[in-house]
Protein backbone atom coordinates (compact mmCIF):
# COMPACT_ATOMS: atom_id res chain seq x y z
CA UNK A 1 -11.16 8.05 -9.86
CA UNK A 2 -10.15 5.03 -11.93
CA UNK A 3 -8.73 2.00 -10.17
CA UNK A 4 -5.13 1.34 -11.11
CA UNK A 5 -4.07 -1.51 -8.79
CA UNK A 6 -4.38 -5.22 -9.52
CA UNK A 7 -4.93 -8.11 -7.11
CA UNK A 8 -1.24 -9.02 -6.75
CA UNK A 9 -0.24 -5.42 -6.05
CA UNK A 10 -3.07 -5.01 -3.54
CA UNK A 11 -2.22 -8.24 -1.73
CA UNK A 12 1.49 -7.42 -1.59
CA UNK A 13 0.81 -4.01 -0.07
CA UNK A 14 -1.53 -5.47 2.56
CA UNK A 15 0.99 -8.16 3.53
CA UNK A 16 3.78 -5.57 3.85
CA UNK A 17 1.50 -3.35 5.95
CA UNK A 18 0.72 -6.25 8.29
CA UNK A 19 4.39 -7.19 8.62
CA UNK A 20 5.38 -3.61 9.43
CA UNK A 21 2.57 -3.32 11.97
CA UNK A 22 3.60 -6.59 13.64
CA UNK A 23 7.24 -5.46 13.83
CA UNK A 24 6.25 -2.11 15.29
CA UNK A 25 3.83 -3.45 17.90
CA UNK A 26 6.27 -6.24 18.74
CA UNK A 27 8.83 -3.51 19.62
CA UNK A 28 11.28 -4.78 17.00
CA UNK A 29 11.28 -1.45 15.19
CA UNK A 30 10.79 1.82 17.04
CA UNK A 31 11.72 5.48 17.09
CA UNK A 32 11.70 7.63 13.97
CA UNK A 33 12.19 4.66 11.67
CA UNK A 34 9.27 2.85 13.28
CA UNK A 35 6.95 5.82 12.94
CA UNK A 36 8.00 6.32 9.32
CA UNK A 37 7.38 2.66 8.50
CA UNK A 38 4.00 2.66 10.27
CA UNK A 39 3.01 5.73 8.24
CA UNK A 40 4.06 3.89 5.07
CA UNK A 41 2.05 0.84 6.20
CA UNK A 42 -1.04 3.00 6.68
CA UNK A 43 -0.61 4.44 3.19
CA UNK A 44 -0.19 0.93 1.77
CA UNK A 45 -3.35 -0.26 3.51
CA UNK A 46 -5.46 2.72 2.42
CA UNK A 47 -4.33 2.54 -1.21
CA UNK A 48 -5.03 -1.20 -1.20
CA UNK A 49 -8.59 -0.75 0.03
CA UNK A 50 -9.42 1.99 -2.47
CA UNK A 51 -7.44 0.23 -5.25
CA UNK A 52 -5.87 3.50 -6.34
CA UNK A 53 -2.28 4.70 -6.05
CA UNK A 54 -1.63 8.38 -6.84
CA UNK A 55 2.02 7.67 -7.67
CA UNK A 56 0.95 5.17 -10.32
CA UNK A 57 -0.99 7.97 -12.01
CA UNK A 58 2.09 10.20 -12.08
CA UNK A 59 4.22 7.47 -13.65
CA UNK A 60 1.50 6.08 -15.93
CA UNK A 61 1.44 2.65 -14.26
CA UNK A 62 -1.71 0.54 -14.20
CA UNK A 63 -1.62 -3.00 -12.76
CA UNK A 64 -5.40 -3.42 -12.85
CA UNK A 65 -6.36 -6.26 -15.22
CA UNK A 66 -9.43 -4.43 -16.54
CA UNK A 67 -8.48 -1.10 -18.10
CA UNK A 68 -10.58 1.88 -17.02
CA UNK A 69 -12.48 -0.10 -14.37
CA UNK A 70 -14.41 2.14 -12.01
């Protein structure tokens, strides 16, 4: 599995995941929308840690600065 996420993309996803988590646990967002956003935040966090986004592969996007880095 080749990495296809750069530092800026990874950082942005982690920040968004933290913001969503803070809003959810602060009871600002709740219900179905809250659960959906928390699920999205988990996906953002996981893809950031593994530096791979499956959707990027489908669309041919690669934000990693070193091509083909493993």
